[in-house]
Protein backbone atom coordinates (compact mmCIF):
# COMPACT_ATOMS: atom_id res chain seq x y z
CA MET A 1 98.73 82.39 130.35
CA ALA A 2 98.49 80.86 126.96
CA ALA A 3 96.37 83.67 125.80
CA ASP A 4 99.12 86.28 127.12
CA ALA A 5 101.84 84.51 125.51
CA GLN A 6 99.78 84.32 121.95
CA VAL A 7 98.98 87.94 122.25
CA ALA A 8 103.02 88.37 122.95
CA PHE A 9 103.85 86.34 120.11
CA ASN A 10 101.47 87.82 117.70
CA ARG A 11 102.83 91.15 118.80
CA GLU A 12 106.49 90.01 118.41
CA LEU A 13 105.43 88.83 114.83
CA ALA A 14 103.89 92.10 113.79
CA GLU A 15 107.06 94.02 115.02
CA LEU A 16 109.16 91.62 112.98
CA ALA A 17 107.03 91.88 109.56
CA HIS A 18 107.23 95.72 109.94
CA HIS A 19 111.09 95.54 110.40
CA HIS A 20 111.49 93.52 107.27
CA TYR A 21 109.15 95.61 105.44
CA GLN A 22 111.04 98.91 106.51
CA SER A 23 114.51 96.89 105.56
CA GLY A 24 113.10 96.22 102.02
CA GLU A 25 112.94 92.27 102.76
CA TYR A 26 109.55 92.10 101.14
CA GLU A 27 109.53 88.45 101.02
CA VAL A 28 110.26 88.01 104.64
CA ALA A 29 108.00 90.58 105.74
CA GLU A 30 105.16 89.03 103.41
CA GLN A 31 105.86 85.55 105.17
CA ASN A 32 105.68 87.02 108.50
CA ALA A 33 102.53 89.17 107.76
CA LEU A 34 100.69 85.99 106.32
CA GLU A 35 101.45 84.04 109.55
CA LEU A 36 100.02 86.82 111.59
CA TRP A 37 97.02 87.18 109.04
CA LYS A 38 96.03 83.45 109.60
CA ARG A 39 96.24 84.04 113.50
CA GLU A 40 94.33 87.48 113.39
CA PRO A 41 92.28 87.65 110.10
CA GLY A 42 90.57 90.92 111.04
CA ASN A 43 93.62 92.69 112.16
CA THR A 44 93.50 95.83 109.82
CA GLY A 45 97.24 96.84 110.48
CA VAL A 46 98.26 93.37 109.15
CA LEU A 47 96.09 93.81 105.90
CA LEU A 48 97.47 97.35 105.36
CA LEU A 49 100.97 95.99 105.77
CA LEU A 50 100.03 93.19 103.27
CA SER A 51 98.60 95.81 101.08
CA SER A 52 101.91 97.87 101.15
CA ILE A 53 104.32 94.81 100.70
CA HIS A 54 102.31 93.82 97.45
CA PHE A 55 102.28 97.19 96.04
CA GLN A 56 106.17 97.29 96.59
CA ARG A 57 106.42 93.88 95.04
CA ARG A 58 104.30 95.27 92.04
CA ARG A 59 101.45 92.91 92.79
CA LEU A 60 98.91 95.55 92.15
CA ASP A 61 96.11 93.25 92.28
CA LYS A 62 96.87 91.53 95.57
CA SER A 63 97.51 94.82 97.08
CA ALA A 64 93.92 96.14 96.04
CA THR A 65 92.73 92.88 97.49
CA PHE A 66 94.23 93.78 100.81
CA SER A 67 93.02 97.09 100.79
CA SER A 68 89.84 96.22 100.11
CA LEU A 69 89.60 93.52 102.87
CA ALA A 70 90.96 96.25 105.00
CA ILE A 71 87.99 98.64 104.31
CA LYS A 72 85.55 95.84 104.61
CA ALA A 73 86.92 95.10 108.17
CA ASN A 74 86.91 98.83 108.93
CA PRO A 75 85.10 101.27 106.42
CA MET A 76 86.55 104.40 108.17
CA LEU A 77 90.09 103.31 107.52
CA ALA A 78 91.66 106.27 105.83
CA GLU A 79 95.09 104.38 105.10
CA ALA A 80 93.38 101.66 103.33
CA TYR A 81 91.48 104.11 100.70
CA SER A 82 94.79 105.82 100.18
CA ASN A 83 96.69 102.49 99.47
CA LEU A 84 93.97 101.78 97.11
CA GLY A 85 94.47 104.95 95.52
CA ASN A 86 98.25 104.20 95.00
CA VAL A 87 97.13 100.76 93.31
CA PHE A 88 94.67 103.20 90.91
CA LYS A 89 97.37 105.86 90.49
CA GLU A 90 100.04 103.21 89.44
CA ARG A 91 97.41 101.70 86.76
CA GLY A 92 96.83 105.27 85.29
CA LYS A 93 93.50 105.46 86.72
CA LEU A 94 94.26 108.96 88.22
CA GLY A 95 90.47 109.71 88.53
CA ASP A 96 89.94 106.98 90.59
CA ALA A 97 93.15 107.40 92.69
CA LEU A 98 92.05 111.17 93.44
CA ASP A 99 88.50 110.08 94.75
CA HIS A 100 90.15 107.50 97.00
CA TYR A 101 92.83 110.25 98.09
CA ARG A 102 89.99 112.74 98.76
CA TYR A 103 87.98 110.25 100.38
CA ALA A 104 90.88 109.13 102.86
CA VAL A 105 91.61 112.75 103.90
CA ASN A 106 88.02 113.60 104.55
CA LEU A 107 87.82 110.49 106.77
CA LYS A 108 91.15 111.52 108.56
CA PRO A 109 91.71 115.17 108.26
CA ASP A 110 95.23 114.78 110.03
CA PHE A 111 96.50 112.07 107.70
CA ILE A 112 99.57 113.43 106.42
CA ASP A 113 100.75 110.67 104.01
CA GLY A 114 96.95 111.03 102.49
CA TYR A 115 97.42 114.73 101.57
CA ILE A 116 100.97 113.93 100.05
CA ASN A 117 99.67 111.29 98.03
CA LEU A 118 96.51 113.32 97.01
CA ALA A 119 99.19 116.43 96.05
CA ALA A 120 101.36 114.15 93.95
CA ALA A 121 98.17 112.87 92.10
CA LEU A 122 96.95 116.66 91.41
CA VAL A 123 100.24 117.33 90.15
CA GLN A 124 100.08 114.56 87.69
CA ALA A 125 96.66 115.40 86.80
CA GLY A 126 97.84 119.05 86.23
CA GLU A 127 95.35 120.59 89.18
CA LEU A 128 98.45 122.36 90.46
CA GLU A 129 96.47 125.21 92.57
CA GLN A 130 94.68 122.22 94.49
CA ALA A 131 98.17 120.53 94.79
CA VAL A 132 99.48 123.56 96.54
CA GLN A 133 96.51 123.28 98.89
CA ALA A 134 97.15 119.56 99.92
CA TYR A 135 101.02 120.12 100.04
CA ALA A 136 100.27 123.28 102.28
CA ARG A 137 97.74 121.17 104.34
CA ALA A 138 100.43 118.36 104.91
CA LEU A 139 102.91 120.93 106.20
CA HIS A 140 100.42 122.73 108.61
CA LEU A 141 99.98 119.40 110.12
CA ASN A 142 103.94 118.97 110.27
CA PRO A 143 106.17 121.67 109.14
CA ASP A 144 109.25 119.63 109.37
CA LEU A 145 108.66 117.52 106.28
CA TYR A 146 111.53 118.71 104.21
CA CYS A 147 110.86 116.93 101.10
CA VAL A 148 107.11 118.30 100.99
CA ARG A 149 108.35 121.70 101.44
CA SER A 150 110.86 121.07 98.53
CA ASP A 151 108.03 119.87 96.32
CA LEU A 152 105.86 122.70 97.28
CA GLY A 153 108.79 124.92 96.18
CA ASN A 154 109.07 123.13 92.84
CA LEU A 155 105.35 123.54 92.12
CA PHE A 156 105.66 127.29 93.26
CA LYS A 157 108.32 127.56 90.65
CA ALA A 158 106.27 125.78 87.79
CA LEU A 159 103.35 128.26 88.65
CA SER A 160 105.94 131.23 88.45
CA ARG A 161 105.18 132.11 92.07
CA LEU A 162 108.77 132.58 92.68
CA GLU A 163 108.75 134.64 95.89
CA GLU A 164 107.00 131.70 97.52
CA ALA A 165 109.24 129.24 96.01
CA LYS A 166 112.33 130.79 97.37
CA VAL A 167 110.62 130.91 100.79
CA GLY A 168 110.27 127.27 100.53
CA PHE A 169 113.58 126.23 99.35
CA ILE A 170 114.94 128.71 101.90
CA THR A 171 113.33 127.06 104.80
CA VAL A 172 114.35 123.67 103.70
CA GLY A 173 117.88 124.66 103.18
CA VAL A 174 118.18 126.29 106.65
CA ARG A 175 116.07 123.30 107.99
CA CYS A 176 118.31 120.53 106.32
CA SER A 177 121.76 122.27 107.01
CA GLY A 178 120.80 123.27 110.72
CA SER A 179 119.87 120.13 111.85
CA PRO A 180 122.26 117.44 113.39
CA ARG A 181 119.91 114.72 112.12
CA ALA A 182 120.66 113.27 108.46
CA ASP A 183 118.45 114.86 105.71
CA PRO A 184 115.34 112.78 105.45
CA CYS A 185 115.38 113.68 101.72
CA SER A 186 118.26 111.73 101.12
CA ASN A 187 118.42 107.85 100.31
CA GLY A 188 121.38 107.29 102.57
């Protein structure tokens, strides 16, 4: 019984940490996640959460450390490579960021966030045609990503591919205005 109670407590602590993270309450999320990490030092989900919390708090060294610990625990964890790519990108090391994003999507070909991160870094690197491919892959995996469709439309516009840009923007307009759900592109 004690083991079952411990598992349930750890699950609740993880849910609480994620809730606080999603709410932007990073300090509380960090406290919950650190407590869980003490209880489950090999839990890669907690390591990824700590990496993300530190990234949001602009503690890039700590974010990189927790991503590296997650990779050490599971070298096939695409999300950890993507998180590390975010740190490199933030530090202006675009080549290293691109390497990590590419590695992440090679490990996990259905990793939508990995493709989005890769596309944004490719745009920043001026590799626009490759960025189109990365955004297109993300949309292939989930056609309802309105913000990605909008970013792709803007990219087509920058490439003077206006007909493709129009299709992207029209689709975004139809999906956003035709949906009873709130626009996922808005911050409200």
